[in-house]
Protein backbone atom coordinates (compact mmCIF):
# COMPACT_ATOMS: atom_id res chain seq x y z
CA UNK A 1 -34.58 -39.03 -58.02
CA UNK A 2 -32.93 -41.96 -56.29
CA UNK A 3 -34.65 -43.18 -53.13
CA UNK A 4 -32.80 -43.33 -49.82
CA UNK A 5 -31.34 -46.78 -49.33
CA UNK A 6 -32.64 -48.68 -46.32
CA UNK A 7 -29.60 -50.75 -45.31
CA UNK A 8 -29.69 -49.21 -41.84
CA UNK A 9 -32.47 -49.22 -39.25
CA UNK A 10 -33.20 -45.75 -37.89
CA UNK A 11 -35.08 -44.33 -34.90
CA UNK A 12 -38.31 -46.30 -34.23
CA UNK A 13 -37.28 -49.14 -36.58
CA UNK A 14 -34.62 -50.31 -34.09
CA UNK A 15 -35.92 -53.37 -32.23
CA UNK A 16 -32.98 -54.14 -29.88
CA UNK A 17 -33.54 -53.55 -26.15
CA UNK A 18 -29.98 -52.39 -25.42
CA UNK A 19 -27.55 -50.50 -27.64
CA UNK A 20 -23.95 -49.33 -27.46
CA UNK A 21 -24.34 -45.68 -28.42
CA UNK A 22 -21.81 -43.43 -30.13
CA UNK A 23 -22.57 -39.71 -30.10
CA UNK A 24 -22.49 -37.40 -33.12
CA UNK A 25 -18.97 -36.19 -32.22
CA UNK A 26 -17.66 -39.80 -32.18
CA UNK A 27 -17.39 -40.28 -28.41
CA UNK A 28 -18.69 -43.43 -26.71
CA UNK A 29 -21.81 -42.87 -24.60
CA UNK A 30 -21.86 -46.48 -23.40
CA UNK A 31 -24.57 -49.15 -23.28
CA UNK A 32 -28.14 -47.91 -22.70
CA UNK A 33 -31.73 -48.76 -23.48
CA UNK A 34 -33.09 -47.96 -26.94
CA UNK A 35 -35.66 -45.52 -25.47
CA UNK A 36 -32.95 -43.55 -23.70
CA UNK A 37 -30.78 -43.45 -26.85
CA UNK A 38 -33.77 -42.24 -28.91
CA UNK A 39 -34.45 -39.51 -26.33
CA UNK A 40 -30.81 -38.34 -26.58
CA UNK A 41 -31.02 -38.28 -30.39
CA UNK A 42 -34.27 -36.29 -30.32
CA UNK A 43 -32.75 -33.75 -27.91
CA UNK A 44 -29.98 -33.11 -30.44
CA UNK A 45 -32.52 -33.13 -33.30
CA UNK A 46 -30.64 -36.00 -34.99
CA UNK A 47 -31.38 -39.63 -35.89
CA UNK A 48 -30.41 -42.82 -34.08
CA UNK A 49 -28.93 -45.14 -36.73
CA UNK A 50 -28.20 -48.83 -36.13
CA UNK A 51 -24.69 -49.33 -37.52
CA UNK A 52 -23.85 -52.89 -36.46
CA UNK A 53 -26.94 -54.95 -35.59
CA UNK A 54 -25.01 -58.24 -35.14
CA UNK A 55 -22.65 -56.97 -32.43
CA UNK A 56 -23.40 -57.73 -28.79
CA UNK A 57 -24.80 -55.29 -27.77
CA UNK A 58 -25.75 -53.76 -31.14
CA UNK A 59 -23.92 -50.56 -32.05
CA UNK A 60 -25.85 -47.42 -32.95
CA UNK A 61 -24.82 -43.87 -33.65
CA UNK A 62 -26.48 -40.49 -33.24
CA UNK A 63 -26.16 -38.63 -36.56
CA UNK A 64 -27.99 -36.81 -39.33
CA UNK A 65 -29.18 -39.76 -41.45
CA UNK A 66 -29.77 -37.75 -44.63
CA UNK A 67 -26.25 -36.34 -44.48
CA UNK A 68 -24.88 -39.84 -43.78
CA UNK A 69 -26.62 -41.31 -46.86
CA UNK A 70 -25.36 -38.40 -48.97
CA UNK A 71 -21.77 -39.03 -47.81
CA UNK A 72 -22.14 -42.77 -48.55
CA UNK A 73 -23.36 -42.08 -52.10
CA UNK A 74 -20.46 -39.66 -52.68
CA UNK A 75 -17.98 -42.34 -51.57
CA UNK A 76 -19.59 -44.91 -53.89
CA UNK A 77 -19.42 -42.52 -56.86
CA UNK A 78 -15.76 -41.78 -56.09
CA UNK A 79 -14.99 -45.51 -55.94
CA UNK A 80 -16.72 -46.04 -59.29
CA UNK A 81 -14.59 -43.30 -60.87
CA UNK A 82 -11.41 -45.05 -59.77
CA UNK A 83 -12.43 -48.41 -61.23
CA UNK A 84 -10.80 -49.37 -64.52
CA UNK A 85 -13.13 -51.21 -66.86
CA UNK A 86 -11.27 -53.79 -68.92
CA UNK A 87 -12.89 -54.70 -72.21
CA UNK A 88 -12.05 -57.73 -74.31
CA UNK A 89 -11.62 -56.83 -77.97
CA UNK A 90 -11.63 -59.58 -80.57
CA UNK A 91 -9.42 -59.95 -83.64
CA UNK A 92 -10.53 -62.69 -86.05
CA UNK A 93 -8.57 -64.56 -88.69
CA UNK A 94 -9.20 -67.30 -91.19
CA UNK A 95 -6.51 -69.96 -91.75
CA UNK A 96 -5.72 -68.66 -95.26
CA UNK A 97 -5.04 -65.04 -94.26
CA UNK A 98 -2.37 -63.10 -96.12
CA UNK A 99 0.75 -61.67 -94.45
CA UNK A 100 -0.27 -58.04 -94.97
CA UNK A 101 -3.69 -58.66 -93.38
CA UNK A 102 -1.99 -60.14 -90.30
CA UNK A 103 0.06 -56.95 -90.06
CA UNK A 104 -3.05 -54.73 -90.20
CA UNK A 105 -4.81 -56.82 -87.53
CA UNK A 106 -1.66 -56.69 -85.37
CA UNK A 107 -1.69 -52.88 -85.59
CA UNK A 108 -5.34 -52.85 -84.49
CA UNK A 109 -4.50 -55.16 -81.59
CA UNK A 110 -1.64 -52.84 -80.56
CA UNK A 111 -4.13 -49.95 -80.34
CA UNK A 112 -6.42 -52.06 -78.14
CA UNK A 113 -3.54 -53.08 -75.88
CA UNK A 114 -2.37 -49.46 -75.59
CA UNK A 115 -5.88 -48.53 -74.42
CA UNK A 116 -5.58 -51.16 -71.67
CA UNK A 117 -8.00 -53.66 -73.21
CA UNK A 118 -7.47 -57.39 -73.50
CA UNK A 119 -7.38 -58.90 -76.98
CA UNK A 120 -8.96 -62.22 -77.91
CA UNK A 121 -7.38 -63.58 -81.08
CA UNK A 122 -9.60 -66.10 -82.89
CA UNK A 123 -9.02 -68.23 -85.95
CA UNK A 124 -12.25 -69.67 -87.30
CA UNK A 125 -11.93 -72.93 -89.22
CA UNK A 126 -14.65 -73.82 -91.72
CA UNK A 127 -15.25 -77.24 -93.25
CA UNK A 128 -12.07 -79.26 -93.70
CA UNK A 129 -9.85 -76.37 -92.63
CA UNK A 130 -9.99 -77.75 -89.07
CA UNK A 131 -7.68 -80.60 -90.18
CA UNK A 132 -4.93 -78.00 -90.62
CA UNK A 133 -4.78 -76.71 -87.03
CA UNK A 134 -0.98 -76.49 -87.28
CA UNK A 135 -1.47 -73.64 -89.79
CA UNK A 136 -3.52 -71.81 -87.15
CA UNK A 137 -0.76 -72.17 -84.57
CA UNK A 138 1.77 -70.72 -87.04
CA UNK A 139 -0.49 -67.73 -87.76
CA UNK A 140 -0.95 -67.07 -84.04
CA UNK A 141 2.81 -67.35 -83.42
CA UNK A 142 3.43 -64.85 -86.25
CA UNK A 143 0.78 -62.52 -84.81
CA UNK A 144 2.20 -62.82 -81.28
CA UNK A 145 5.70 -61.99 -82.54
CA UNK A 146 4.34 -58.68 -83.89
CA UNK A 147 2.60 -57.60 -80.65
CA UNK A 148 4.70 -59.36 -77.98
CA UNK A 149 6.39 -56.11 -76.85
CA UNK A 150 3.01 -54.76 -75.63
CA UNK A 151 1.36 -57.84 -74.14
CA UNK A 152 1.56 -61.04 -72.15
CA UNK A 153 -0.24 -64.24 -73.10
CA UNK A 154 -3.04 -64.72 -70.61
CA UNK A 155 -4.40 -67.87 -72.27
CA UNK A 156 -2.23 -69.68 -74.81
CA UNK A 157 -3.55 -70.80 -78.22
CA UNK A 158 -5.98 -73.70 -77.94
CA UNK A 159 -8.26 -75.40 -80.44
CA UNK A 160 -11.83 -75.43 -79.13
CA UNK A 161 -14.22 -77.00 -81.61
CA UNK A 162 -13.93 -75.06 -84.87
CA UNK A 163 -12.18 -72.05 -83.30
CA UNK A 164 -8.64 -71.56 -82.10
CA UNK A 165 -8.37 -68.82 -79.48
CA UNK A 166 -5.65 -67.03 -77.60
CA UNK A 167 -6.13 -64.20 -75.10
CA UNK A 168 -3.56 -61.41 -74.70
CA UNK A 169 -3.46 -58.95 -71.81
CA UNK A 170 -1.60 -55.62 -71.81
CA UNK A 171 1.75 -55.54 -69.99
CA UNK A 172 1.67 -53.74 -66.66
CA UNK A 173 3.53 -50.45 -66.94
């Protein structure tokens, strides 16, 4: 079981002398001493929670702390559900790749782009192949022509050491 997070000071943990207090129904009760606010919270059988410790005077609220933490965790879970995770998939070539192989790799890249993933296209040069970087640019241009209807170039082709890379992102619908 997950422990209750302690981002908020509650009840006897509050060290401020004066607090601006908000009641459990959301109405302002005004500025009062911490002891008086605690007494009010205990009368209602609720907790006094320090919401904004840096305000002057600090803002606290009378509420059910357990219920508040539960609501916070529900909101966080809901926010996580709405997040879209973008993965970067890689497609690798060698400089002496055949035309048909480029077509197959382009089809794979189209699937990745349809799924909303970015595609990193890499050509790995070995030995003296690096002297023929212009061949790599031609292969990448050919590849881009096959998938250009589904993507935008996020990072154009660039030779970095022994690898030439280009990053493609899916077009926004």
